[in-house]
């Protein structure tokens, strides 16, 4: 149940099977709390990657982990004069495909998408339960160190339930420290309520610890791998703000925009008002520069490695639908023909695109030497001209050198954009747009301001949607946003995305090569997944489980 994240942490006889006596010592408790990162590493590996791909930030045509099936869009309709309606190659919806793979055979083959997040998140929850049970009777820790570890356990329970409730139609709430479970499957809304209740428990504990407390600082350093936050500066008060940001996210992303009420907006606004402020350090996940015991050696193991074509060629590419969000001087989607400049002799590809005015484009994305088109003939959605630029070359979202920090649990930008969304949707359009401007300025976008320009409500919502896409790239919100704005809703029910850029093979156009065209994509994705068979087969529900 425990694994450390520093080499020295593992110098024990068997750190993966600790004796109960080890949880009665100060060092044992600290190691066990640190060991949550072993399981959280899994939670923020594949499950986050699923969010990136279903949110159409990245594309991945590989069959491993069911990735290609997650992105099995229903149809893609080409624009005039072609007008082709291109179905997916299986002729069934994503829902039908994923449910057909929810089997023990698919588990063994590694293609059952439903199993990974469920298993990992409940592993985190279980370890947190054991830690809380051990802390309930311990007398070996100073009071504020004990309180810090209790807050840590509730924090991770909140994160685990947040991910479960935001992805599965139903789940199980359990505080058992003996590994036992129950058949009382509750709705995803109830799981989200439980997530926020655990964040509230962490907040109540942290509120009693003053900033600058030495025992708190000692505890937090002991349970945080050095490569995760080399400049660790999360105070009790900033940790509280991190928790409120997560609570606001949980409410916002689990309600469709069309269903948001005045009360919902008020709740999100109240929580975000207590959330992260500029200058706060968010929780992040880094890597050891030498891949020493950081769970990445020989694997993808980190969001910034999954999408790196130097380390993992062919696994993923930047989606055309993400790239088209960057603002251009003519206001049209990015269908620009960029040039590749290797004159520096460094081998770094420098993209110049005269009509792209958002500086984050050239810094964050570069052009592939050869575009990928309809990869392995698995669907024309699997095509792109783009890949992320490495952090070591000035980029943001990928690395070949184990660099960078992935912000997995909220950030000042996300919190600010949530307040902006509340403002825009409750009558303060310019106030909300001013916050959009603030985020763009902080990230060095170099864009002209949009506040005070008389934008309509619809225009303001689109500015906000685009900015969330870019500012929060690879931070685990893309699929949730696509779901709540309606892109993943079936076309028959008013969903889908119009004018979505697809790199269309020349077999459809008779052009000399692939052409980026504005198409209509009917994604028709599941809103929430079913519980995996490896849970339901051995833990029969006391009532029927409904799929969504």
Protein backbone atom coordinates (compact mmCIF):
# COMPACT_ATOMS: atom_id res chain seq x y z
CA UNK A 1 0.00 0.00 0.00
CA UNK A 2 2.96 2.33 0.27
CA UNK A 3 5.81 3.40 -1.94
CA UNK A 4 8.12 6.32 -1.44
CA UNK A 5 9.18 8.79 -4.08
CA UNK A 6 12.80 9.40 -3.10
CA UNK A 7 15.46 6.73 -3.27
CA UNK A 8 16.21 7.07 0.42
CA UNK A 9 12.56 6.52 1.20
CA UNK A 10 12.71 2.99 -0.13
CA UNK A 11 15.51 1.66 2.07
CA UNK A 12 13.18 -0.58 4.03
CA UNK A 13 12.77 -4.35 3.94
CA UNK A 14 9.55 -4.27 1.97
CA UNK A 15 8.04 -0.79 1.54
CA UNK A 16 5.14 -2.13 -0.50
CA UNK A 17 3.81 -4.23 2.39
CA UNK A 18 4.33 -2.24 5.59
CA UNK A 19 3.67 -3.82 8.95
CA UNK A 20 0.97 -2.21 11.05
CA UNK A 21 3.71 -1.40 13.54
CA UNK A 22 5.30 0.93 10.98
CA UNK A 23 2.21 3.15 11.20
CA UNK A 24 2.86 3.64 14.90
CA UNK A 25 6.08 5.58 14.36
CA UNK A 26 6.61 9.13 13.17
CA UNK A 27 8.77 8.05 10.23
CA UNK A 28 6.39 5.26 9.27
CA UNK A 29 3.42 7.61 9.16
CA UNK A 30 5.36 10.13 7.08
CA UNK A 31 6.47 7.45 4.61
CA UNK A 32 2.94 6.11 4.34
CA UNK A 33 1.58 9.61 3.64
CA UNK A 34 4.33 10.16 1.07
CA UNK A 35 3.38 6.82 -0.48
CA UNK A 36 0.02 8.21 -1.59
CA UNK A 37 2.01 9.72 -4.46
CA UNK A 38 2.65 6.20 -5.73
CA UNK A 39 -1.05 5.69 -6.33
CA UNK A 40 -1.72 9.32 -7.23
CA UNK A 41 0.92 8.93 -9.91
CA UNK A 42 -1.39 6.44 -11.55
CA UNK A 43 -4.45 8.66 -11.02
CA UNK A 44 -2.76 11.52 -12.82
CA UNK A 45 -1.24 9.44 -15.56
CA UNK A 46 -3.75 7.54 -17.71
CA UNK A 47 -6.96 9.13 -16.36
CA UNK A 48 -5.70 12.64 -17.07
CA UNK A 49 -4.57 11.55 -20.50
CA UNK A 50 -8.08 10.26 -21.18
CA UNK A 51 -9.39 13.75 -20.35
CA UNK A 52 -6.90 15.35 -22.76
CA UNK A 53 -7.91 13.10 -25.64
CA UNK A 54 -11.69 13.07 -25.15
CA UNK A 55 -11.47 16.83 -24.64
CA UNK A 56 -9.78 16.99 -28.07
CA UNK A 57 -6.62 18.69 -26.86
CA UNK A 58 -4.68 15.68 -28.11
CA UNK A 59 -5.41 12.85 -30.52
CA UNK A 60 -4.31 9.26 -30.01
CA UNK A 61 -5.19 6.48 -32.41
CA UNK A 62 -3.53 3.69 -30.42
CA UNK A 63 -5.61 0.82 -29.09
CA UNK A 64 -3.74 0.65 -25.77
CA UNK A 65 -5.99 1.40 -22.78
CA UNK A 66 -8.90 1.84 -25.18
CA UNK A 67 -7.61 5.26 -26.31
CA UNK A 68 -8.79 4.99 -29.93
CA UNK A 69 -12.25 3.93 -28.79
CA UNK A 70 -12.57 6.86 -26.42
CA UNK A 71 -12.15 9.15 -29.44
CA UNK A 72 -14.54 7.20 -31.63
CA UNK A 73 -16.61 10.09 -32.92
CA UNK A 74 -19.94 9.25 -34.47
CA UNK A 75 -19.68 11.09 -37.78
CA UNK A 76 -17.71 13.88 -39.45
CA UNK A 77 -19.50 15.92 -42.10
CA UNK A 78 -17.30 17.69 -44.66
CA UNK A 79 -18.28 21.17 -45.87
CA UNK A 80 -19.50 22.06 -49.35
CA UNK A 81 -18.73 21.22 -52.07
CA UNK A 82 -17.85 17.78 -50.65
CA UNK A 83 -20.63 17.23 -48.10
CA UNK A 84 -19.47 13.71 -47.28
CA UNK A 85 -20.78 12.24 -44.04
CA UNK A 86 -17.93 10.07 -42.80
CA UNK A 87 -18.93 7.52 -40.11
CA UNK A 88 -16.51 5.91 -37.70
CA UNK A 89 -15.05 2.65 -38.92
CA UNK A 90 -17.00 0.44 -36.48
CA UNK A 91 -20.49 1.75 -37.18
CA UNK A 92 -21.42 1.95 -33.49
CA UNK A 93 -21.37 4.85 -31.05
CA UNK A 94 -18.61 5.48 -28.53
CA UNK A 95 -21.05 4.38 -25.80
CA UNK A 96 -21.70 1.03 -27.47
CA UNK A 97 -18.00 0.51 -28.16
CA UNK A 98 -16.81 1.29 -24.64
CA UNK A 99 -19.55 -0.77 -23.01
CA UNK A 100 -18.68 -3.74 -25.23
CA UNK A 101 -15.11 -3.54 -23.91
CA UNK A 102 -16.20 -3.53 -20.26
CA UNK A 103 -15.30 -7.19 -19.82
CA UNK A 104 -12.68 -9.37 -18.17
CA UNK A 105 -11.26 -10.25 -21.59
CA UNK A 106 -10.76 -6.56 -22.34
CA UNK A 107 -9.31 -6.07 -18.85
CA UNK A 108 -6.69 -8.69 -19.66
CA UNK A 109 -6.01 -7.11 -23.05
CA UNK A 110 -5.70 -3.66 -21.49
CA UNK A 111 -8.47 -2.12 -23.60
CA UNK A 112 -11.21 -1.66 -20.98
CA UNK A 113 -11.18 2.09 -20.54
CA UNK A 114 -13.52 1.96 -17.54
CA UNK A 115 -11.13 0.11 -15.22
CA UNK A 116 -8.15 2.47 -14.89
CA UNK A 117 -9.48 5.58 -13.15
CA UNK A 118 -11.79 3.53 -10.93
CA UNK A 119 -9.01 1.26 -9.69
CA UNK A 120 -6.50 4.06 -9.21
CA UNK A 121 -8.84 6.50 -7.47
CA UNK A 122 -10.16 3.90 -5.06
CA UNK A 123 -6.56 2.90 -4.35
CA UNK A 124 -5.84 6.48 -3.31
CA UNK A 125 -9.02 6.62 -1.23
CA UNK A 126 -8.16 3.34 0.49
CA UNK A 127 -4.67 4.46 1.42
CA UNK A 128 -6.04 7.73 2.78
CA UNK A 129 -8.52 5.74 4.89
CA UNK A 130 -5.72 3.65 6.38
CA UNK A 131 -3.73 6.80 7.14
CA UNK A 132 -6.68 8.46 8.87
CA UNK A 133 -7.30 5.36 10.96
CA UNK A 134 -3.66 5.24 12.06
CA UNK A 135 -3.65 8.96 12.87
CA UNK A 136 -6.80 8.69 14.96
CA UNK A 137 -4.92 7.02 17.82
CA UNK A 138 -1.29 8.05 17.32
CA UNK A 139 0.60 9.99 19.96
CA UNK A 140 3.98 10.06 18.21
CA UNK A 141 3.45 13.23 16.17
CA UNK A 142 3.40 16.87 17.23
CA UNK A 143 -0.16 18.20 17.10
CA UNK A 144 0.23 20.28 13.95
CA UNK A 145 2.13 17.57 12.10
CA UNK A 146 -0.65 15.13 12.91
CA UNK A 147 -3.20 17.70 11.73
CA UNK A 148 -1.24 18.24 8.51
CA UNK A 149 -1.26 14.52 7.71
CA UNK A 150 -4.99 14.35 8.47
CA UNK A 151 -5.61 17.25 6.09
CA UNK A 152 -3.43 15.45 3.53
CA UNK A 153 -5.59 12.33 3.75
CA UNK A 154 -8.85 14.27 3.39
CA UNK A 155 -7.35 16.27 0.52
CA UNK A 156 -6.56 13.09 -1.41
CA UNK A 157 -9.95 11.60 -0.65
CA UNK A 158 -11.45 14.78 -2.07
CA UNK A 159 -9.34 14.47 -5.21
CA UNK A 160 -10.18 10.79 -5.67
CA UNK A 161 -13.92 11.37 -5.31
CA UNK A 162 -13.70 14.45 -7.56
CA UNK A 163 -12.28 12.36 -10.39
CA UNK A 164 -14.69 9.48 -9.81
CA UNK A 165 -17.77 11.70 -9.59
CA UNK A 166 -16.77 13.70 -12.65
CA UNK A 167 -16.24 10.60 -14.80
CA UNK A 168 -18.54 7.77 -13.65
CA UNK A 169 -22.33 7.66 -13.56
CA UNK A 170 -22.23 6.07 -10.09
CA UNK A 171 -19.71 5.16 -7.45
CA UNK A 172 -19.20 3.91 -3.91
CA UNK A 173 -18.50 5.96 -0.81
CA UNK A 174 -16.29 4.15 1.68
CA UNK A 175 -14.26 5.19 4.69
CA UNK A 176 -13.27 1.64 5.59
CA UNK A 177 -9.63 1.24 6.55
CA UNK A 178 -9.64 -2.56 6.23
CA UNK A 179 -10.15 -2.58 2.47
CA UNK A 180 -13.78 -3.63 2.67
CA UNK A 181 -16.32 -2.14 0.32
CA UNK A 182 -20.09 -2.10 -0.08
CA UNK A 183 -22.73 -2.50 -2.74
CA UNK A 184 -24.36 0.87 -2.17
CA UNK A 185 -23.65 2.57 -5.50
CA UNK A 186 -24.70 6.22 -5.40
CA UNK A 187 -25.08 8.81 -8.15
CA UNK A 188 -22.15 10.81 -9.46
CA UNK A 189 -23.75 13.89 -7.91
CA UNK A 190 -23.55 12.21 -4.49
CA UNK A 191 -19.90 11.35 -5.14
CA UNK A 192 -19.18 15.02 -5.93
CA UNK A 193 -20.93 16.03 -2.72
CA UNK A 194 -18.66 13.59 -0.87
CA UNK A 195 -15.61 15.02 -2.62
CA UNK A 196 -16.42 18.53 -1.46
CA UNK A 197 -17.23 17.28 2.04
CA UNK A 198 -13.71 15.86 2.28
CA UNK A 199 -12.21 19.10 1.03
CA UNK A 200 -14.24 20.86 3.75
CA UNK A 201 -12.74 18.53 6.37
CA UNK A 202 -9.26 19.40 5.15
CA UNK A 203 -10.12 23.11 5.22
CA UNK A 204 -11.42 22.92 8.80
CA UNK A 205 -8.18 21.26 9.94
CA UNK A 206 -5.88 23.64 8.04
CA UNK A 207 -7.74 26.69 9.33
CA UNK A 208 -6.39 25.89 12.80
CA UNK A 209 -2.73 25.84 11.66
CA UNK A 210 -1.07 29.27 11.37
CA UNK A 211 1.04 30.12 8.33
CA UNK A 212 4.69 29.75 9.24
CA UNK A 213 4.15 26.88 11.67
CA UNK A 214 7.31 24.78 11.87
CA UNK A 215 5.67 21.40 12.44
CA UNK A 216 3.40 21.97 9.44
CA UNK A 217 6.40 22.84 7.24
CA UNK A 218 8.27 19.75 8.42
CA UNK A 219 5.30 17.50 7.70
CA UNK A 220 4.59 18.91 4.25
CA UNK A 221 8.24 18.59 3.23
CA UNK A 222 8.30 14.98 4.46
CA UNK A 223 5.30 13.95 2.37
CA UNK A 224 6.18 15.85 -0.82
CA UNK A 225 8.80 14.44 -3.24
CA UNK A 226 11.48 17.07 -3.85
CA UNK A 227 10.98 16.91 -7.62
CA UNK A 228 7.25 17.55 -7.21
CA UNK A 229 7.79 21.03 -5.82
CA UNK A 230 11.46 21.97 -5.52
CA UNK A 231 10.44 25.42 -4.26
CA UNK A 232 7.66 24.14 -2.01
CA UNK A 233 5.76 27.09 -0.58
CA UNK A 234 2.21 25.92 0.08
CA UNK A 235 1.03 27.47 3.33
CA UNK A 236 -2.05 26.33 5.25
CA UNK A 237 -3.97 29.35 3.95
CA UNK A 238 -2.96 28.76 0.32
CA UNK A 239 -3.80 25.06 0.67
CA UNK A 240 -7.27 26.11 1.80
CA UNK A 241 -7.58 28.25 -1.33
CA UNK A 242 -6.50 25.25 -3.43
CA UNK A 243 -9.32 23.25 -1.86
CA UNK A 244 -11.95 25.91 -2.55
CA UNK A 245 -10.85 26.06 -6.19
CA UNK A 246 -11.39 22.31 -6.46
CA UNK A 247 -14.83 22.62 -4.87
CA UNK A 248 -15.81 25.33 -7.36
CA UNK A 249 -14.54 23.19 -10.24
CA UNK A 250 -16.54 20.19 -9.05
CA UNK A 251 -19.80 22.14 -9.17
CA UNK A 252 -19.10 23.92 -12.44
CA UNK A 253 -17.92 21.03 -14.59
CA UNK A 254 -20.66 18.60 -13.57
CA UNK A 255 -23.61 20.71 -14.69
CA UNK A 256 -24.40 21.36 -18.35
CA UNK A 257 -24.27 25.06 -19.19
CA UNK A 258 -27.86 24.97 -20.35
CA UNK A 259 -28.88 23.61 -16.94
CA UNK A 260 -27.00 26.11 -14.78
CA UNK A 261 -29.32 28.06 -12.48
CA UNK A 262 -28.84 31.34 -10.66
CA UNK A 263 -28.23 29.33 -7.50
CA UNK A 264 -25.57 27.23 -9.26
CA UNK A 265 -23.75 30.34 -10.47
CA UNK A 266 -23.95 31.82 -6.98
CA UNK A 267 -22.44 28.67 -5.46
CA UNK A 268 -19.58 28.53 -7.94
CA UNK A 269 -18.93 32.24 -7.47
CA UNK A 270 -18.88 31.98 -3.69
CA UNK A 271 -16.45 29.07 -3.72
CA UNK A 272 -14.16 30.59 -6.34
CA UNK A 273 -14.12 33.88 -4.40
CA UNK A 274 -12.29 31.93 -1.67
CA UNK A 275 -10.06 30.12 -4.17
CA UNK A 276 -6.54 30.60 -5.48
CA UNK A 277 -5.15 34.09 -5.96
CA UNK A 278 -2.28 35.18 -8.16
CA UNK A 279 1.00 34.25 -6.48
CA UNK A 280 -0.36 31.15 -4.73
CA UNK A 281 1.54 27.96 -5.40
CA UNK A 282 -0.76 25.27 -6.77
CA UNK A 283 -0.24 21.56 -6.22
CA UNK A 284 1.80 20.13 -9.05
CA UNK A 285 3.44 16.97 -10.28
CA UNK A 286 6.99 17.15 -11.56
CA UNK A 287 9.69 14.67 -12.54
CA UNK A 288 13.19 13.89 -11.45
CA UNK A 289 15.64 15.14 -14.13
CA UNK A 290 17.23 11.69 -14.19
CA UNK A 291 13.97 9.76 -13.88
CA UNK A 292 15.10 8.41 -10.50
CA UNK A 293 12.20 6.69 -8.76
CA UNK A 294 9.63 9.16 -10.06
CA UNK A 295 7.43 6.51 -11.70
CA UNK A 296 8.39 7.54 -15.26
CA UNK A 297 11.39 5.37 -16.05
CA UNK A 298 10.54 3.13 -18.97
CA UNK A 299 6.95 4.40 -19.12
CA UNK A 300 4.98 7.43 -20.20
CA UNK A 301 4.30 8.04 -16.52
CA UNK A 302 3.57 11.77 -16.64
CA UNK A 303 1.24 13.95 -18.74
CA UNK A 304 4.19 15.81 -20.25
CA UNK A 305 5.75 12.55 -21.43
CA UNK A 306 2.60 11.01 -22.88
CA UNK A 307 2.39 13.63 -25.61
CA UNK A 308 6.10 13.87 -26.44
CA UNK A 309 7.02 12.59 -29.87
CA UNK A 310 10.72 12.47 -29.01
CA UNK A 311 10.16 10.12 -26.06
CA UNK A 312 6.99 8.32 -27.19
CA UNK A 313 6.70 8.71 -30.97
CA UNK A 314 3.32 7.98 -32.46
CA UNK A 315 1.31 7.93 -29.25
CA UNK A 316 -0.25 11.36 -29.51
CA UNK A 317 -0.38 14.58 -31.47
CA UNK A 318 -1.85 18.01 -30.83
CA UNK A 319 -5.43 18.18 -32.09
CA UNK A 320 -6.34 20.48 -34.96
CA UNK A 321 -9.40 21.44 -32.90
CA UNK A 322 -7.16 22.70 -30.12
CA UNK A 323 -4.88 24.66 -32.43
CA UNK A 324 -7.81 26.43 -34.08
CA UNK A 325 -8.61 28.13 -30.75
CA UNK A 326 -5.62 30.47 -31.09
CA UNK A 327 -6.60 33.93 -32.23
CA UNK A 328 -5.64 35.13 -35.69
CA UNK A 329 -5.61 38.59 -37.22
CA UNK A 330 -8.41 37.68 -39.63
CA UNK A 331 -10.50 35.89 -37.01
CA UNK A 332 -10.49 32.61 -38.95
CA UNK A 333 -9.43 29.21 -37.60
CA UNK A 334 -5.73 28.38 -37.81
CA UNK A 335 -5.46 26.74 -41.21
CA UNK A 336 -2.23 28.58 -41.89
CA UNK A 337 0.64 27.06 -43.80
CA UNK A 338 3.58 27.50 -41.46
CA UNK A 339 7.27 27.33 -42.29
CA UNK A 340 9.95 25.29 -40.59
CA UNK A 341 13.17 27.16 -39.86
CA UNK A 342 16.20 25.10 -38.86
CA UNK A 343 18.69 27.85 -39.68
CA UNK A 344 19.68 28.15 -36.02
CA UNK A 345 21.40 24.81 -36.26
CA UNK A 346 19.75 23.70 -33.04
CA UNK A 347 17.26 21.44 -34.72
CA UNK A 348 14.41 23.29 -33.04
CA UNK A 349 11.54 23.93 -35.40
CA UNK A 350 10.49 27.57 -35.34
CA UNK A 351 6.99 28.12 -36.62
CA UNK A 352 6.09 31.40 -38.27
CA UNK A 353 2.47 32.11 -39.03
CA UNK A 354 1.72 35.66 -40.05
CA UNK A 355 -1.94 35.65 -39.10
CA UNK A 356 -1.63 34.04 -35.64
CA UNK A 357 -1.42 36.78 -33.04
CA UNK A 358 -1.56 34.78 -29.80
CA UNK A 359 2.09 34.39 -28.75
CA UNK A 360 1.27 31.16 -26.94
CA UNK A 361 0.84 29.49 -30.32
CA UNK A 362 4.44 29.89 -31.49
CA UNK A 363 5.75 29.19 -28.01
CA UNK A 364 3.61 26.15 -27.30
CA UNK A 365 3.01 24.40 -30.62
CA UNK A 366 5.20 23.46 -33.54
CA UNK A 367 4.57 21.95 -36.93
CA UNK A 368 5.29 18.35 -37.71
CA UNK A 369 7.80 17.86 -40.51
CA UNK A 370 5.23 15.50 -42.05
CA UNK A 371 1.56 15.69 -41.05
CA UNK A 372 -0.24 12.57 -39.85
CA UNK A 373 -3.48 11.72 -41.64
CA UNK A 374 -6.15 9.13 -40.77
CA UNK A 375 -3.58 7.22 -38.75
CA UNK A 376 -3.79 3.46 -39.35
CA UNK A 377 -7.07 4.16 -41.18
CA UNK A 378 -8.79 4.46 -37.80
CA UNK A 379 -10.70 7.67 -38.50
CA UNK A 380 -10.10 11.03 -40.11
CA UNK A 381 -10.30 12.69 -36.68
CA UNK A 382 -6.85 11.15 -36.19
CA UNK A 383 -4.96 13.67 -38.28
CA UNK A 384 -2.82 16.67 -37.38
CA UNK A 385 -0.08 19.00 -38.50
CA UNK A 386 0.95 19.83 -34.95
CA UNK A 387 2.85 18.68 -31.89
CA UNK A 388 3.63 20.50 -28.62
CA UNK A 389 6.95 22.34 -28.33
CA UNK A 390 9.22 20.96 -25.62
CA UNK A 391 9.49 22.92 -22.39
CA UNK A 392 13.27 22.86 -22.75
CA UNK A 393 12.80 24.69 -26.08
CA UNK A 394 10.49 27.33 -24.62
CA UNK A 395 7.21 25.41 -24.76
CA UNK A 396 4.60 24.66 -22.12
CA UNK A 397 3.05 21.22 -22.39
CA UNK A 398 5.66 18.55 -23.05
CA UNK A 399 9.24 17.58 -22.31
CA UNK A 400 11.89 15.11 -23.41
CA UNK A 401 14.14 16.04 -20.48
CA UNK A 402 11.88 15.51 -17.45
CA UNK A 403 11.21 19.19 -16.99
CA UNK A 404 8.14 21.19 -15.97
CA UNK A 405 5.34 20.97 -13.44
CA UNK A 406 1.89 19.66 -14.34
CA UNK A 407 -0.83 21.52 -12.39
CA UNK A 408 -3.28 18.75 -11.63
CA UNK A 409 -5.55 20.31 -9.01
CA UNK A 410 -6.49 23.80 -10.04
CA UNK A 411 -4.57 27.02 -10.52
CA UNK A 412 -4.99 30.76 -10.25
CA UNK A 413 -5.85 30.86 -13.95
CA UNK A 414 -8.60 28.29 -13.59
CA UNK A 415 -10.04 29.99 -10.52
CA UNK A 416 -9.98 33.38 -12.25
CA UNK A 417 -11.70 32.01 -15.33
CA UNK A 418 -14.40 30.45 -13.15
CA UNK A 419 -15.10 33.85 -11.59
CA UNK A 420 -15.08 35.32 -15.11
CA UNK A 421 -17.64 32.76 -16.25
CA UNK A 422 -19.87 33.53 -13.30
CA UNK A 423 -19.66 37.26 -14.06
CA UNK A 424 -20.36 36.82 -17.77
CA UNK A 425 -23.40 34.65 -17.11
CA UNK A 426 -24.87 36.84 -14.37
CA UNK A 427 -24.85 40.22 -16.08
CA UNK A 428 -21.33 41.52 -15.51
CA UNK A 429 -20.00 40.81 -18.99
CA UNK A 430 -17.20 43.36 -18.99
CA UNK A 431 -16.11 42.39 -15.49
CA UNK A 432 -15.76 38.81 -16.64
CA UNK A 433 -13.94 39.77 -19.83
CA UNK A 434 -11.49 41.87 -17.81
CA UNK A 435 -10.54 38.69 -15.96
CA UNK A 436 -10.08 36.87 -19.28
CA UNK A 437 -7.75 39.72 -20.27
CA UNK A 438 -5.86 39.33 -16.99
CA UNK A 439 -5.20 35.63 -17.57
CA UNK A 440 -4.04 36.26 -21.13
CA UNK A 441 -1.71 39.00 -19.95
CA UNK A 442 -0.28 36.80 -17.19
CA UNK A 443 0.46 34.03 -19.70
CA UNK A 444 2.09 36.43 -22.17
CA UNK A 445 -0.49 35.98 -24.92
CA UNK A 446 0.07 39.51 -26.23
CA UNK A 447 -3.56 39.79 -27.31
CA UNK A 448 -5.62 42.97 -27.50
CA UNK A 449 -8.08 43.32 -24.64
CA UNK A 450 -11.68 42.24 -25.09
CA UNK A 451 -13.24 44.03 -22.11
CA UNK A 452 -14.89 47.35 -22.77
CA UNK A 453 -15.42 46.52 -26.45
CA UNK A 454 -19.17 46.01 -26.32
CA UNK A 455 -19.14 42.25 -26.81
CA UNK A 456 -22.47 40.47 -26.68
CA UNK A 457 -23.22 37.69 -24.21
CA UNK A 458 -22.67 35.08 -26.91
CA UNK A 459 -19.36 36.63 -27.92
CA UNK A 460 -18.21 36.87 -24.32
CA UNK A 461 -19.04 33.19 -23.71
CA UNK A 462 -16.99 32.24 -26.75
CA UNK A 463 -14.01 34.27 -25.53
CA UNK A 464 -14.25 32.48 -22.20
CA UNK A 465 -14.56 29.04 -23.84
CA UNK A 466 -11.53 29.61 -26.05
CA UNK A 467 -9.45 30.93 -23.18
CA UNK A 468 -10.22 27.96 -20.96
CA UNK A 469 -9.07 25.71 -23.80
CA UNK A 470 -5.68 27.41 -24.12
CA UNK A 471 -4.93 28.67 -20.61
CA UNK A 472 -5.91 25.35 -18.99
CA UNK A 473 -4.37 23.04 -21.59
CA UNK A 474 -3.47 19.62 -20.13
CA UNK A 475 -4.84 20.51 -16.70
CA UNK A 476 -7.63 17.96 -16.72
CA UNK A 477 -10.64 20.12 -17.62
CA UNK A 478 -10.92 19.72 -21.41
CA UNK A 479 -13.37 16.81 -21.53
CA UNK A 480 -15.48 18.25 -18.73
CA UNK A 481 -15.75 21.51 -20.68
CA UNK A 482 -16.59 19.76 -23.95
CA UNK A 483 -19.33 17.87 -22.13
CA UNK A 484 -20.87 20.85 -20.40
CA UNK A 485 -20.89 23.17 -23.45
CA UNK A 486 -22.59 20.44 -25.49
CA UNK A 487 -19.91 19.40 -27.96
CA UNK A 488 -20.11 15.75 -26.88
CA UNK A 489 -23.92 15.69 -26.87
CA UNK A 490 -25.38 13.78 -29.87
CA UNK A 491 -26.10 15.93 -32.90
CA UNK A 492 -29.68 14.68 -32.82
CA UNK A 493 -30.03 16.39 -29.42
CA UNK A 494 -28.49 19.67 -30.51
CA UNK A 495 -24.85 18.80 -29.79
CA UNK A 496 -21.69 18.43 -31.82
CA UNK A 497 -19.17 21.01 -32.97
CA UNK A 498 -19.52 23.06 -36.15
CA UNK A 499 -16.54 24.44 -38.06
CA UNK A 500 -14.17 22.01 -36.36
CA UNK A 501 -10.94 21.76 -38.32
CA UNK A 502 -10.22 18.25 -39.61
CA UNK A 503 -7.15 17.35 -41.67
CA UNK A 504 -9.06 15.64 -44.47
CA UNK A 505 -7.26 13.03 -46.61
CA UNK A 506 -7.02 13.77 -50.32
CA UNK A 507 -9.13 10.69 -51.08
CA UNK A 508 -12.13 12.84 -50.10
CA UNK A 509 -11.11 16.03 -51.89
CA UNK A 510 -8.92 15.08 -54.89
CA UNK A 511 -6.40 17.65 -53.64
CA UNK A 512 -2.68 17.03 -53.93
CA UNK A 513 -2.42 16.37 -50.19
CA UNK A 514 -4.41 16.51 -46.95
CA UNK A 515 -6.48 19.66 -46.51
CA UNK A 516 -7.59 21.26 -43.22
CA UNK A 517 -11.33 21.84 -43.60
CA UNK A 518 -14.01 23.20 -41.23
CA UNK A 519 -16.27 20.18 -40.62
CA UNK A 520 -19.14 19.25 -38.33
CA UNK A 521 -18.13 16.65 -35.76
CA UNK A 522 -20.84 14.63 -34.06
CA UNK A 523 -18.82 13.29 -31.13
CA UNK A 524 -21.75 11.58 -29.34
CA UNK A 525 -19.67 10.62 -26.30
CA UNK A 526 -20.85 9.16 -23.01
CA UNK A 527 -21.40 11.88 -20.43
CA UNK A 528 -20.40 9.55 -17.60
CA UNK A 529 -18.89 6.06 -17.76
CA UNK A 530 -20.24 2.83 -16.30
CA UNK A 531 -18.64 1.20 -13.27
CA UNK A 532 -16.03 -1.34 -14.46
CA UNK A 533 -16.80 -5.03 -14.50
CA UNK A 534 -13.92 -5.80 -12.14
CA UNK A 535 -15.92 -3.95 -9.50
CA UNK A 536 -19.50 -4.97 -10.27
CA UNK A 537 -18.72 -8.67 -10.77
CA UNK A 538 -17.26 -9.04 -7.29
CA UNK A 539 -19.20 -6.32 -5.52
CA UNK A 540 -22.75 -6.69 -6.73
CA UNK A 541 -24.80 -3.51 -6.41
CA UNK A 542 -27.76 -3.56 -4.07
CA UNK A 543 -29.75 -1.77 -6.76
CA UNK A 544 -29.41 -1.58 -10.57
CA UNK A 545 -26.62 0.61 -11.94
CA UNK A 546 -27.77 3.05 -14.60
CA UNK A 547 -25.47 3.95 -17.46
CA UNK A 548 -25.31 7.51 -18.76
